[in-house]
N, C-alpha and C. Protein backbone atom coordinates (compact mmCIF):
# COMPACT_ATOMS: atom_id res chain seq x y z
N MET A 1 0.84 -1.20 0.00
CA MET A 1 0.00 0.00 0.00
C MET A 1 0.88 1.26 0.00
N TYR A 2 1.96 1.24 0.79
CA TYR A 2 2.85 2.41 0.87
C TYR A 2 3.45 2.72 -0.50
N GLU A 3 3.92 1.66 -1.22
CA GLU A 3 4.53 1.87 -2.52
C GLU A 3 3.52 2.41 -3.52
N TRP A 4 2.29 1.87 -3.50
CA TRP A 4 1.25 2.34 -4.41
C TRP A 4 0.96 3.82 -4.16
N LEU A 5 0.83 4.20 -2.90
CA LEU A 5 0.50 5.58 -2.56
C LEU A 5 1.61 6.53 -2.97
N THR A 6 2.85 6.17 -2.67
CA THR A 6 3.99 7.00 -3.02
C THR A 6 4.09 7.18 -4.53
N ALA A 7 3.96 6.07 -5.27
CA ALA A 7 4.05 6.13 -6.72
C ALA A 7 2.93 6.97 -7.31
N THR A 8 1.73 6.82 -6.77
CA THR A 8 0.58 7.57 -7.28
C THR A 8 0.75 9.06 -7.06
N ILE A 9 1.15 9.45 -5.85
CA ILE A 9 1.35 10.88 -5.55
C ILE A 9 2.44 11.47 -6.43
N ALA A 10 3.56 10.74 -6.56
CA ALA A 10 4.68 11.24 -7.35
C ALA A 10 4.31 11.39 -8.82
N CYS A 11 3.67 10.35 -9.37
CA CYS A 11 3.33 10.38 -10.80
C CYS A 11 2.27 11.44 -11.11
N ILE A 12 1.28 11.59 -10.22
CA ILE A 12 0.26 12.62 -10.43
C ILE A 12 0.89 14.01 -10.37
N GLY A 13 1.76 14.22 -9.40
CA GLY A 13 2.42 15.52 -9.27
C GLY A 13 3.22 15.87 -10.50
N ILE A 14 4.01 14.90 -10.99
CA ILE A 14 4.82 15.15 -12.18
C ILE A 14 3.93 15.41 -13.40
N ALA A 15 2.86 14.60 -13.53
CA ALA A 15 1.96 14.74 -14.68
C ALA A 15 1.28 16.10 -14.69
N VAL A 16 0.83 16.57 -13.52
CA VAL A 16 0.14 17.87 -13.43
C VAL A 16 1.09 19.01 -13.79
N ILE A 17 2.29 18.99 -13.21
CA ILE A 17 3.27 20.05 -13.50
C ILE A 17 3.65 20.04 -14.98
N ALA A 18 3.88 18.83 -15.52
CA ALA A 18 4.27 18.72 -16.93
C ALA A 18 3.15 19.22 -17.85
N SER A 19 1.91 18.92 -17.48
CA SER A 19 0.77 19.36 -18.30
C SER A 19 0.65 20.88 -18.30
N ILE A 20 0.85 21.49 -17.12
CA ILE A 20 0.79 22.95 -17.02
C ILE A 20 1.86 23.60 -17.88
N LEU A 21 3.04 23.00 -17.92
CA LEU A 21 4.15 23.55 -18.70
C LEU A 21 4.09 23.15 -20.17
N GLY A 22 3.11 22.27 -20.49
CA GLY A 22 2.98 21.85 -21.88
C GLY A 22 3.94 20.75 -22.30
N TRP A 23 4.55 20.10 -21.32
CA TRP A 23 5.48 19.00 -21.62
C TRP A 23 4.70 17.69 -21.66
N TRP A 24 3.94 17.47 -22.71
CA TRP A 24 3.03 16.32 -22.77
C TRP A 24 3.76 14.98 -22.79
N TRP A 25 4.97 14.96 -23.34
CA TRP A 25 5.70 13.68 -23.36
C TRP A 25 6.09 13.25 -21.96
N ILE A 26 6.36 14.21 -21.07
CA ILE A 26 6.66 13.86 -19.68
C ILE A 26 5.39 13.37 -18.98
N THR A 27 4.26 13.98 -19.31
CA THR A 27 2.98 13.52 -18.75
C THR A 27 2.74 12.07 -19.14
N ALA A 28 2.96 11.76 -20.42
CA ALA A 28 2.76 10.39 -20.89
C ALA A 28 3.71 9.42 -20.20
N LEU A 29 4.96 9.82 -20.03
CA LEU A 29 5.94 8.96 -19.37
C LEU A 29 5.57 8.70 -17.92
N SER A 30 5.04 9.71 -17.22
CA SER A 30 4.67 9.54 -15.82
C SER A 30 3.51 8.55 -15.68
N ILE A 31 2.60 8.58 -16.66
CA ILE A 31 1.47 7.63 -16.64
C ILE A 31 1.98 6.20 -16.87
N VAL A 32 2.88 6.05 -17.83
CA VAL A 32 3.46 4.73 -18.11
C VAL A 32 4.23 4.22 -16.88
N ALA A 33 4.99 5.12 -16.24
CA ALA A 33 5.75 4.73 -15.05
C ALA A 33 4.82 4.25 -13.94
N TRP A 34 3.68 4.94 -13.77
CA TRP A 34 2.73 4.52 -12.73
C TRP A 34 2.18 3.14 -13.03
N ILE A 35 1.85 2.86 -14.29
CA ILE A 35 1.32 1.55 -14.68
C ILE A 35 2.32 0.45 -14.38
N VAL A 36 3.60 0.70 -14.68
CA VAL A 36 4.66 -0.29 -14.44
C VAL A 36 4.82 -0.56 -12.95
N ILE A 37 4.88 0.50 -12.14
CA ILE A 37 5.05 0.34 -10.70
C ILE A 37 3.84 -0.34 -10.07
N ALA A 38 2.64 0.05 -10.51
CA ALA A 38 1.42 -0.56 -9.97
C ALA A 38 1.38 -2.04 -10.32
N GLY A 39 1.85 -2.39 -11.51
CA GLY A 39 1.88 -3.80 -11.91
C GLY A 39 2.85 -4.61 -11.07
N PHE A 40 3.99 -4.02 -10.76
CA PHE A 40 4.98 -4.75 -9.96
C PHE A 40 4.48 -5.01 -8.55
N PHE A 41 3.83 -4.01 -7.94
CA PHE A 41 3.39 -4.16 -6.56
C PHE A 41 1.96 -4.70 -6.45
N ARG A 42 1.48 -5.34 -7.50
CA ARG A 42 0.12 -5.88 -7.48
C ARG A 42 -0.01 -6.98 -6.44
N ASP A 43 -1.23 -7.15 -5.95
CA ASP A 43 -1.53 -8.14 -4.92
C ASP A 43 -2.81 -8.88 -5.31
N PRO A 44 -2.67 -9.98 -6.05
CA PRO A 44 -3.86 -10.71 -6.50
C PRO A 44 -4.74 -11.14 -5.33
N LEU A 45 -6.03 -10.88 -5.45
CA LEU A 45 -6.97 -11.21 -4.38
C LEU A 45 -7.61 -12.57 -4.63
N GLY A 46 -8.15 -13.14 -3.58
CA GLY A 46 -8.93 -14.37 -3.71
C GLY A 46 -8.13 -15.64 -3.89
N ARG A 47 -6.82 -15.60 -3.60
CA ARG A 47 -6.03 -16.83 -3.73
C ARG A 47 -6.38 -17.81 -2.61
N GLN A 48 -6.55 -19.08 -2.99
CA GLN A 48 -6.86 -20.12 -2.02
C GLN A 48 -5.86 -21.25 -2.15
N PRO A 49 -5.31 -21.75 -1.01
CA PRO A 49 -4.37 -22.87 -1.07
C PRO A 49 -5.01 -24.08 -1.74
N ALA A 50 -4.23 -24.83 -2.49
CA ALA A 50 -4.73 -26.01 -3.18
C ALA A 50 -4.75 -27.22 -2.24
N THR A 51 -4.86 -26.98 -0.94
CA THR A 51 -4.87 -28.07 0.04
C THR A 51 -5.48 -27.60 1.35
N ASN A 52 -6.04 -28.55 2.09
CA ASN A 52 -6.49 -28.29 3.45
C ASN A 52 -5.73 -29.16 4.45
N ASP A 53 -4.79 -29.96 3.94
CA ASP A 53 -4.01 -30.85 4.78
C ASP A 53 -2.93 -30.04 5.50
N GLU A 54 -2.90 -30.12 6.82
CA GLU A 54 -1.94 -29.34 7.61
C GLU A 54 -0.50 -29.77 7.36
N ASN A 55 -0.29 -30.94 6.76
CA ASN A 55 1.06 -31.41 6.47
C ASN A 55 1.59 -30.90 5.13
N ASP A 56 0.72 -30.28 4.33
CA ASP A 56 1.14 -29.75 3.04
C ASP A 56 1.68 -28.33 3.18
N LEU A 57 2.71 -28.03 2.41
CA LEU A 57 3.33 -26.71 2.42
C LEU A 57 3.14 -26.06 1.05
N VAL A 58 2.55 -24.87 1.05
CA VAL A 58 2.33 -24.18 -0.22
C VAL A 58 3.50 -23.25 -0.52
N SER A 59 3.57 -22.83 -1.75
CA SER A 59 4.69 -22.00 -2.19
C SER A 59 4.72 -20.65 -1.47
N PRO A 60 5.89 -20.21 -1.02
CA PRO A 60 6.01 -18.90 -0.38
C PRO A 60 6.17 -17.76 -1.38
N ALA A 61 6.25 -18.10 -2.69
CA ALA A 61 6.47 -17.05 -3.68
C ALA A 61 5.96 -17.48 -5.05
N ASP A 62 5.64 -16.49 -5.88
CA ASP A 62 5.37 -16.73 -7.30
C ASP A 62 6.70 -16.85 -8.02
N GLY A 63 6.75 -17.66 -9.06
CA GLY A 63 7.98 -17.75 -9.83
C GLY A 63 8.19 -19.13 -10.42
N ARG A 64 9.45 -19.47 -10.61
CA ARG A 64 9.82 -20.75 -11.23
C ARG A 64 10.80 -21.49 -10.32
N ILE A 65 10.61 -22.78 -10.16
CA ILE A 65 11.52 -23.59 -9.34
C ILE A 65 12.88 -23.63 -10.04
N SER A 66 13.90 -23.08 -9.39
CA SER A 66 15.24 -23.03 -9.99
C SER A 66 16.17 -24.12 -9.46
N ALA A 67 15.85 -24.69 -8.30
CA ALA A 67 16.70 -25.75 -7.75
C ALA A 67 15.98 -26.48 -6.62
N ILE A 68 16.28 -27.76 -6.48
CA ILE A 68 15.85 -28.56 -5.33
C ILE A 68 17.10 -29.27 -4.83
N GLU A 69 17.56 -28.89 -3.65
CA GLU A 69 18.85 -29.37 -3.16
C GLU A 69 18.70 -30.10 -1.83
N HIS A 70 19.52 -31.13 -1.66
CA HIS A 70 19.64 -31.82 -0.37
C HIS A 70 20.99 -31.45 0.22
N VAL A 71 20.99 -30.93 1.45
CA VAL A 71 22.24 -30.55 2.10
C VAL A 71 22.37 -31.31 3.42
N SER A 72 23.62 -31.56 3.82
CA SER A 72 23.86 -32.35 5.03
C SER A 72 23.51 -31.60 6.30
N HIS A 73 23.54 -30.24 6.24
CA HIS A 73 23.18 -29.46 7.42
C HIS A 73 22.73 -28.07 6.99
N HIS A 74 21.65 -27.61 7.63
CA HIS A 74 21.20 -26.24 7.40
C HIS A 74 20.77 -25.66 8.74
N GLU A 75 21.20 -24.41 8.99
CA GLU A 75 20.93 -23.79 10.28
C GLU A 75 19.44 -23.61 10.56
N ALA A 76 18.62 -23.55 9.53
CA ALA A 76 17.19 -23.33 9.74
C ALA A 76 16.52 -24.50 10.45
N VAL A 77 17.02 -25.72 10.18
CA VAL A 77 16.42 -26.92 10.79
C VAL A 77 17.41 -27.65 11.69
N ASP A 78 18.64 -27.10 11.79
CA ASP A 78 19.69 -27.67 12.63
C ASP A 78 19.94 -29.14 12.29
N GLY A 79 20.06 -29.41 11.00
CA GLY A 79 20.32 -30.77 10.55
C GLY A 79 20.18 -30.88 9.05
N PRO A 80 20.11 -32.10 8.52
CA PRO A 80 19.93 -32.30 7.08
C PRO A 80 18.66 -31.61 6.59
N ALA A 81 18.74 -31.08 5.36
CA ALA A 81 17.60 -30.30 4.87
C ALA A 81 17.41 -30.45 3.37
N VAL A 82 16.20 -30.15 2.95
CA VAL A 82 15.86 -30.04 1.53
C VAL A 82 15.55 -28.57 1.27
N ILE A 83 16.19 -27.99 0.26
CA ILE A 83 15.96 -26.60 -0.10
C ILE A 83 15.23 -26.54 -1.43
N VAL A 84 14.06 -25.93 -1.43
CA VAL A 84 13.32 -25.70 -2.67
C VAL A 84 13.47 -24.22 -2.99
N ARG A 85 14.15 -23.92 -4.10
CA ARG A 85 14.50 -22.54 -4.43
C ARG A 85 13.60 -22.03 -5.57
N ILE A 86 13.06 -20.83 -5.40
CA ILE A 86 12.15 -20.23 -6.38
C ILE A 86 12.76 -18.92 -6.89
N PHE A 87 12.87 -18.81 -8.21
CA PHE A 87 13.36 -17.57 -8.82
C PHE A 87 12.18 -16.71 -9.22
N LEU A 88 12.22 -15.43 -8.82
CA LEU A 88 11.18 -14.47 -9.17
C LEU A 88 11.74 -13.47 -10.16
N SER A 89 11.13 -13.36 -11.34
CA SER A 89 11.54 -12.35 -12.30
C SER A 89 10.86 -11.04 -11.94
N VAL A 90 11.22 -9.96 -12.63
CA VAL A 90 10.61 -8.66 -12.34
C VAL A 90 9.13 -8.64 -12.73
N LEU A 91 8.68 -9.63 -13.50
CA LEU A 91 7.29 -9.69 -13.92
C LEU A 91 6.40 -10.46 -12.95
N ASP A 92 7.01 -11.16 -12.00
CA ASP A 92 6.24 -11.95 -11.04
C ASP A 92 5.71 -11.09 -9.90
N VAL A 93 4.62 -11.55 -9.27
CA VAL A 93 4.15 -10.94 -8.03
C VAL A 93 5.23 -11.19 -6.98
N HIS A 94 5.61 -10.16 -6.23
CA HIS A 94 6.74 -10.30 -5.31
C HIS A 94 6.38 -10.42 -3.84
N LEU A 95 5.12 -10.53 -3.53
CA LEU A 95 4.72 -10.74 -2.14
C LEU A 95 5.09 -12.16 -1.71
N ASN A 96 5.64 -12.30 -0.50
CA ASN A 96 5.91 -13.61 0.08
C ASN A 96 4.76 -14.03 0.98
N ARG A 97 4.52 -15.35 1.03
CA ARG A 97 3.41 -15.89 1.83
C ARG A 97 3.89 -17.08 2.66
N ALA A 98 3.23 -17.30 3.77
CA ALA A 98 3.60 -18.40 4.67
C ALA A 98 3.21 -19.74 4.04
N PRO A 99 4.07 -20.77 4.15
CA PRO A 99 3.77 -22.07 3.54
C PRO A 99 2.73 -22.88 4.31
N CYS A 100 2.57 -22.58 5.60
CA CYS A 100 1.60 -23.28 6.44
C CYS A 100 1.46 -22.47 7.73
N ALA A 101 0.68 -22.97 8.68
CA ALA A 101 0.56 -22.29 9.96
C ALA A 101 1.90 -22.41 10.71
N VAL A 102 2.49 -21.28 11.07
CA VAL A 102 3.81 -21.29 11.71
C VAL A 102 3.93 -20.16 12.72
N THR A 103 4.92 -20.31 13.61
CA THR A 103 5.31 -19.26 14.54
C THR A 103 6.74 -18.85 14.23
N VAL A 104 7.01 -17.57 14.20
CA VAL A 104 8.35 -17.07 13.91
C VAL A 104 9.25 -17.23 15.13
N LYS A 105 10.36 -17.93 14.97
CA LYS A 105 11.32 -18.10 16.07
C LYS A 105 12.40 -17.03 16.07
N GLU A 106 12.94 -16.77 14.88
CA GLU A 106 14.09 -15.88 14.80
C GLU A 106 14.26 -15.39 13.36
N LEU A 107 14.89 -14.22 13.21
CA LEU A 107 15.24 -13.70 11.89
C LEU A 107 16.74 -13.46 11.86
N ARG A 108 17.38 -13.89 10.78
CA ARG A 108 18.82 -13.72 10.65
C ARG A 108 19.14 -13.03 9.33
N TYR A 109 19.39 -11.73 9.41
CA TYR A 109 19.72 -10.95 8.21
C TYR A 109 21.22 -11.01 7.97
N ARG A 110 21.60 -11.18 6.70
CA ARG A 110 23.01 -11.18 6.34
C ARG A 110 23.24 -10.26 5.15
N PRO A 111 24.12 -9.27 5.29
CA PRO A 111 24.47 -8.43 4.14
C PRO A 111 25.25 -9.28 3.13
N GLY A 112 25.33 -8.83 1.91
CA GLY A 112 26.05 -9.60 0.90
C GLY A 112 26.09 -8.89 -0.43
N GLN A 113 26.35 -9.65 -1.47
CA GLN A 113 26.47 -9.11 -2.81
C GLN A 113 25.08 -9.03 -3.47
N PHE A 114 25.06 -8.56 -4.71
CA PHE A 114 23.82 -8.44 -5.46
C PHE A 114 24.00 -9.04 -6.85
N LEU A 115 24.40 -10.32 -6.89
CA LEU A 115 24.57 -11.01 -8.16
C LEU A 115 23.21 -11.33 -8.77
N ASP A 116 23.21 -11.65 -10.06
CA ASP A 116 21.98 -12.05 -10.74
C ASP A 116 21.36 -13.23 -10.01
N ALA A 117 20.08 -13.11 -9.63
CA ALA A 117 19.42 -14.15 -8.84
C ALA A 117 19.28 -15.46 -9.59
N ARG A 118 19.50 -15.47 -10.91
CA ARG A 118 19.41 -16.72 -11.68
C ARG A 118 20.67 -17.56 -11.55
N SER A 119 21.76 -16.98 -11.06
CA SER A 119 23.00 -17.73 -10.92
C SER A 119 23.00 -18.56 -9.65
N GLU A 120 23.66 -19.70 -9.71
CA GLU A 120 23.73 -20.59 -8.54
C GLU A 120 24.49 -19.95 -7.39
N GLU A 121 25.54 -19.18 -7.72
CA GLU A 121 26.36 -18.55 -6.68
C GLU A 121 25.58 -17.51 -5.89
N SER A 122 24.59 -16.85 -6.50
CA SER A 122 23.84 -15.80 -5.83
C SER A 122 23.17 -16.30 -4.56
N ALA A 123 22.72 -17.55 -4.56
CA ALA A 123 22.04 -18.11 -3.39
C ALA A 123 22.98 -18.21 -2.19
N ARG A 124 24.29 -18.24 -2.46
CA ARG A 124 25.27 -18.39 -1.38
C ARG A 124 25.83 -17.06 -0.90
N VAL A 125 25.96 -16.07 -1.80
CA VAL A 125 26.70 -14.86 -1.44
C VAL A 125 25.87 -13.58 -1.42
N ASN A 126 24.64 -13.62 -1.92
CA ASN A 126 23.85 -12.38 -1.95
C ASN A 126 23.26 -12.03 -0.60
N GLU A 127 22.89 -10.77 -0.45
CA GLU A 127 22.18 -10.31 0.74
C GLU A 127 20.97 -11.21 0.97
N SER A 128 20.70 -11.58 2.23
CA SER A 128 19.59 -12.49 2.49
C SER A 128 18.99 -12.26 3.87
N ASN A 129 17.80 -12.80 4.03
CA ASN A 129 17.11 -12.76 5.31
C ASN A 129 16.52 -14.13 5.57
N LEU A 130 17.05 -14.83 6.58
CA LEU A 130 16.58 -16.17 6.92
C LEU A 130 15.57 -16.07 8.06
N ILE A 131 14.39 -16.65 7.84
CA ILE A 131 13.32 -16.65 8.84
C ILE A 131 13.17 -18.06 9.38
N LEU A 132 13.44 -18.25 10.67
CA LEU A 132 13.30 -19.55 11.31
C LEU A 132 11.88 -19.69 11.84
N LEU A 133 11.22 -20.80 11.48
CA LEU A 133 9.81 -21.00 11.80
C LEU A 133 9.59 -22.33 12.50
N THR A 134 8.47 -22.40 13.22
CA THR A 134 8.07 -23.64 13.88
C THR A 134 6.59 -23.90 13.60
N THR A 135 6.26 -25.13 13.21
CA THR A 135 4.87 -25.50 12.97
C THR A 135 4.21 -25.83 14.31
N PRO A 136 2.88 -25.95 14.37
CA PRO A 136 2.20 -26.27 15.64
C PRO A 136 2.66 -27.57 16.28
N ASP A 137 3.15 -28.53 15.47
CA ASP A 137 3.61 -29.79 16.06
C ASP A 137 5.10 -29.77 16.40
N GLY A 138 5.75 -28.59 16.24
CA GLY A 138 7.14 -28.45 16.65
C GLY A 138 8.17 -28.66 15.56
N THR A 139 7.73 -28.88 14.33
CA THR A 139 8.67 -29.07 13.22
C THR A 139 9.32 -27.74 12.84
N SER A 140 10.62 -27.75 12.66
CA SER A 140 11.35 -26.54 12.27
C SER A 140 11.38 -26.40 10.75
N LEU A 141 11.11 -25.19 10.28
CA LEU A 141 11.17 -24.86 8.85
C LEU A 141 11.96 -23.57 8.69
N GLY A 142 12.33 -23.27 7.47
CA GLY A 142 12.99 -22.01 7.20
C GLY A 142 12.50 -21.40 5.91
N LEU A 143 12.44 -20.08 5.87
CA LEU A 143 12.19 -19.33 4.65
C LEU A 143 13.33 -18.34 4.50
N ARG A 144 13.85 -18.25 3.28
CA ARG A 144 15.00 -17.36 3.07
C ARG A 144 14.72 -16.45 1.88
N GLN A 145 14.78 -15.16 2.15
CA GLN A 145 14.61 -14.15 1.11
C GLN A 145 16.00 -13.72 0.64
N VAL A 146 16.25 -13.81 -0.67
CA VAL A 146 17.57 -13.50 -1.21
C VAL A 146 17.44 -12.41 -2.26
N SER A 147 18.24 -11.36 -2.13
CA SER A 147 18.23 -10.27 -3.10
C SER A 147 18.83 -10.70 -4.42
N GLY A 148 18.57 -9.91 -5.47
CA GLY A 148 19.14 -10.18 -6.79
C GLY A 148 19.93 -8.98 -7.28
N ALA A 149 20.22 -8.96 -8.59
CA ALA A 149 21.01 -7.88 -9.16
C ALA A 149 20.24 -6.56 -9.16
N ILE A 150 18.92 -6.65 -9.36
CA ILE A 150 18.09 -5.45 -9.39
C ILE A 150 17.48 -5.21 -8.02
N ALA A 151 17.05 -6.29 -7.36
CA ALA A 151 16.43 -6.15 -6.04
C ALA A 151 17.45 -5.64 -5.04
N ARG A 152 17.14 -4.56 -4.36
CA ARG A 152 18.06 -4.00 -3.38
C ARG A 152 17.39 -3.73 -2.05
N ARG A 153 16.20 -4.30 -1.85
CA ARG A 153 15.54 -4.07 -0.57
C ARG A 153 14.68 -5.27 -0.21
N ILE A 154 15.02 -5.92 0.90
CA ILE A 154 14.22 -7.01 1.44
C ILE A 154 13.25 -6.41 2.44
N VAL A 155 11.98 -6.72 2.28
CA VAL A 155 10.95 -6.23 3.18
C VAL A 155 10.43 -7.40 4.02
N CYS A 156 10.60 -7.30 5.34
CA CYS A 156 10.12 -8.36 6.23
C CYS A 156 9.85 -7.75 7.60
N PRO A 157 8.58 -7.41 7.89
CA PRO A 157 8.24 -6.78 9.16
C PRO A 157 8.04 -7.77 10.30
N LEU A 158 8.31 -9.05 10.06
CA LEU A 158 8.08 -10.05 11.10
C LEU A 158 9.02 -9.87 12.29
N LYS A 159 8.59 -10.41 13.43
CA LYS A 159 9.43 -10.44 14.62
C LYS A 159 9.17 -11.74 15.36
N PRO A 160 10.12 -12.19 16.20
CA PRO A 160 9.93 -13.44 16.94
C PRO A 160 8.62 -13.44 17.72
N GLY A 161 7.92 -14.57 17.62
CA GLY A 161 6.64 -14.71 18.31
C GLY A 161 5.44 -14.48 17.41
N ASP A 162 5.64 -13.86 16.25
CA ASP A 162 4.53 -13.65 15.32
C ASP A 162 4.01 -14.99 14.81
N GLN A 163 2.72 -15.07 14.63
CA GLN A 163 2.09 -16.28 14.09
C GLN A 163 1.49 -15.98 12.73
N LEU A 164 1.67 -16.93 11.81
CA LEU A 164 1.15 -16.78 10.45
C LEU A 164 0.27 -17.98 10.10
N THR A 165 -0.74 -17.73 9.29
CA THR A 165 -1.56 -18.82 8.77
C THR A 165 -1.11 -19.16 7.36
N ARG A 166 -1.52 -20.34 6.87
CA ARG A 166 -1.13 -20.75 5.53
C ARG A 166 -1.58 -19.71 4.49
N GLY A 167 -0.64 -19.28 3.66
CA GLY A 167 -0.95 -18.32 2.60
C GLY A 167 -0.94 -16.86 3.02
N GLU A 168 -0.70 -16.59 4.30
CA GLU A 168 -0.73 -15.19 4.77
C GLU A 168 0.48 -14.42 4.25
N ARG A 169 0.26 -13.19 3.81
CA ARG A 169 1.34 -12.34 3.32
C ARG A 169 2.25 -11.93 4.49
N PHE A 170 3.57 -11.86 4.23
CA PHE A 170 4.45 -11.43 5.31
C PHE A 170 5.59 -10.53 4.86
N GLY A 171 5.80 -10.35 3.56
CA GLY A 171 6.91 -9.51 3.13
C GLY A 171 7.12 -9.62 1.64
N MET A 172 8.21 -9.06 1.15
CA MET A 172 8.52 -9.12 -0.26
C MET A 172 9.99 -8.75 -0.48
N ILE A 173 10.47 -9.02 -1.71
CA ILE A 173 11.79 -8.56 -2.13
C ILE A 173 11.57 -7.80 -3.42
N LYS A 174 12.03 -6.59 -3.49
CA LYS A 174 11.66 -5.72 -4.60
C LYS A 174 12.54 -5.91 -5.84
N PHE A 175 11.88 -6.07 -6.98
CA PHE A 175 12.49 -6.06 -8.32
C PHE A 175 13.42 -7.24 -8.60
N GLY A 176 12.89 -8.46 -8.56
CA GLY A 176 13.66 -9.63 -8.96
C GLY A 176 14.44 -10.22 -7.81
N SER A 177 14.31 -11.54 -7.57
CA SER A 177 14.91 -12.10 -6.37
C SER A 177 14.75 -13.61 -6.34
N THR A 178 15.09 -14.20 -5.18
CA THR A 178 14.93 -15.62 -4.94
C THR A 178 14.32 -15.83 -3.56
N THR A 179 13.45 -16.82 -3.46
CA THR A 179 12.90 -17.22 -2.16
C THR A 179 13.12 -18.71 -1.99
N GLU A 180 13.57 -19.12 -0.80
CA GLU A 180 13.83 -20.53 -0.53
C GLU A 180 12.93 -21.04 0.59
N LEU A 181 12.43 -22.26 0.41
CA LEU A 181 11.73 -22.98 1.47
C LEU A 181 12.67 -24.08 1.93
N ILE A 182 13.00 -24.10 3.22
CA ILE A 182 13.94 -25.08 3.77
C ILE A 182 13.19 -26.05 4.66
N LEU A 183 13.28 -27.34 4.36
CA LEU A 183 12.55 -28.39 5.08
C LEU A 183 13.53 -29.36 5.73
N PRO A 184 13.15 -29.94 6.86
CA PRO A 184 13.99 -31.00 7.43
C PRO A 184 13.99 -32.19 6.49
N ASP A 185 15.17 -32.78 6.26
CA ASP A 185 15.28 -33.88 5.30
C ASP A 185 14.92 -35.20 5.98
N THR A 186 13.67 -35.31 6.40
CA THR A 186 13.15 -36.54 7.00
C THR A 186 12.15 -37.17 6.04
N GLU A 187 12.62 -37.36 4.82
CA GLU A 187 11.83 -37.93 3.73
C GLU A 187 10.55 -37.15 3.44
N PRO A 188 10.66 -35.82 3.27
CA PRO A 188 9.48 -35.06 2.84
C PRO A 188 9.17 -35.39 1.38
N THR A 189 7.92 -35.29 1.00
CA THR A 189 7.53 -35.52 -0.39
C THR A 189 7.50 -34.18 -1.10
N VAL A 190 8.37 -34.01 -2.09
CA VAL A 190 8.41 -32.77 -2.87
C VAL A 190 7.53 -32.97 -4.10
N HIS A 191 6.58 -32.06 -4.31
CA HIS A 191 5.60 -32.22 -5.38
C HIS A 191 5.91 -31.42 -6.63
N VAL A 192 7.03 -30.71 -6.65
CA VAL A 192 7.38 -29.89 -7.80
C VAL A 192 8.71 -30.34 -8.37
N LYS A 193 9.03 -29.86 -9.56
CA LYS A 193 10.31 -30.17 -10.19
C LYS A 193 10.93 -28.89 -10.73
N VAL A 194 12.22 -28.94 -10.99
CA VAL A 194 12.94 -27.77 -11.49
C VAL A 194 12.33 -27.32 -12.82
N GLY A 195 12.11 -26.02 -12.94
CA GLY A 195 11.53 -25.46 -14.15
C GLY A 195 10.04 -25.22 -14.06
N GLU A 196 9.39 -25.78 -13.06
CA GLU A 196 7.94 -25.65 -12.92
C GLU A 196 7.58 -24.27 -12.33
N ARG A 197 6.50 -23.67 -12.85
CA ARG A 197 6.01 -22.41 -12.31
C ARG A 197 5.10 -22.69 -11.12
N VAL A 198 5.20 -21.82 -10.09
CA VAL A 198 4.40 -21.98 -8.88
C VAL A 198 3.76 -20.65 -8.52
N SER A 199 2.67 -20.73 -7.75
CA SER A 199 1.95 -19.54 -7.30
C SER A 199 1.98 -19.46 -5.79
N ALA A 200 2.34 -18.30 -5.25
CA ALA A 200 2.42 -18.12 -3.80
C ALA A 200 1.08 -18.35 -3.13
N GLY A 201 1.11 -19.15 -2.07
CA GLY A 201 -0.09 -19.40 -1.31
C GLY A 201 -1.05 -20.38 -1.93
N VAL A 202 -0.69 -20.94 -3.08
CA VAL A 202 -1.59 -21.84 -3.81
C VAL A 202 -0.95 -23.18 -4.09
N THR A 203 0.16 -23.18 -4.83
CA THR A 203 0.80 -24.42 -5.28
C THR A 203 1.40 -25.20 -4.10
N ILE A 204 1.12 -26.49 -4.04
CA ILE A 204 1.70 -27.34 -3.00
C ILE A 204 3.15 -27.70 -3.40
N LEU A 205 4.11 -27.27 -2.59
CA LEU A 205 5.51 -27.57 -2.89
C LEU A 205 5.94 -28.92 -2.32
N ALA A 206 5.49 -29.22 -1.10
CA ALA A 206 5.94 -30.43 -0.43
C ALA A 206 4.97 -30.82 0.67
N SER A 207 5.13 -32.05 1.15
CA SER A 207 4.34 -32.54 2.29
C SER A 207 5.30 -33.12 3.31
N LEU A 208 5.05 -32.86 4.57
CA LEU A 208 5.88 -33.37 5.64
C LEU A 208 5.35 -34.71 6.11
């Protein structure tokens, strides 16, 4: 809402001044700029998870599955983990959503580089924000917001103790990025494959 309001006020102000001065091309550009910004910060309404099973985890972001990795240890689950990585282009909706009902345990922000989010190295060295979560039955999960070459601001107003429901909005990464869902590697069933498009709060990524 803040971005929409700021963009609207700025674009209207520029358009009005330009019109008074007779600079119609600037008026036209300000209108186009508003349409682009409004499109980026869009928030589709009426999304419903494709599951009612509490063991299913829905996608935390819109985009394309860029990697599914098994690692021997991840700090989010304090042990072996499966990482489902989602790449968001500048054309995707950038709001992040909770994969299931969870409580926020901790947030770990790390400064870093701003490499192209499509590169494998970016997931390791770019600026990131790791959110440690706990499900009602005590299972540890992680969500990681990773900046890209264009994205330079991670938005996450969460704090320890906050509770989220499945599909609830909680933040975003502006202008292209990566979002990771980190699961304990206790034989979770992953329902997606690399290259598949997913929708935040709707597509089932995995089941615990």
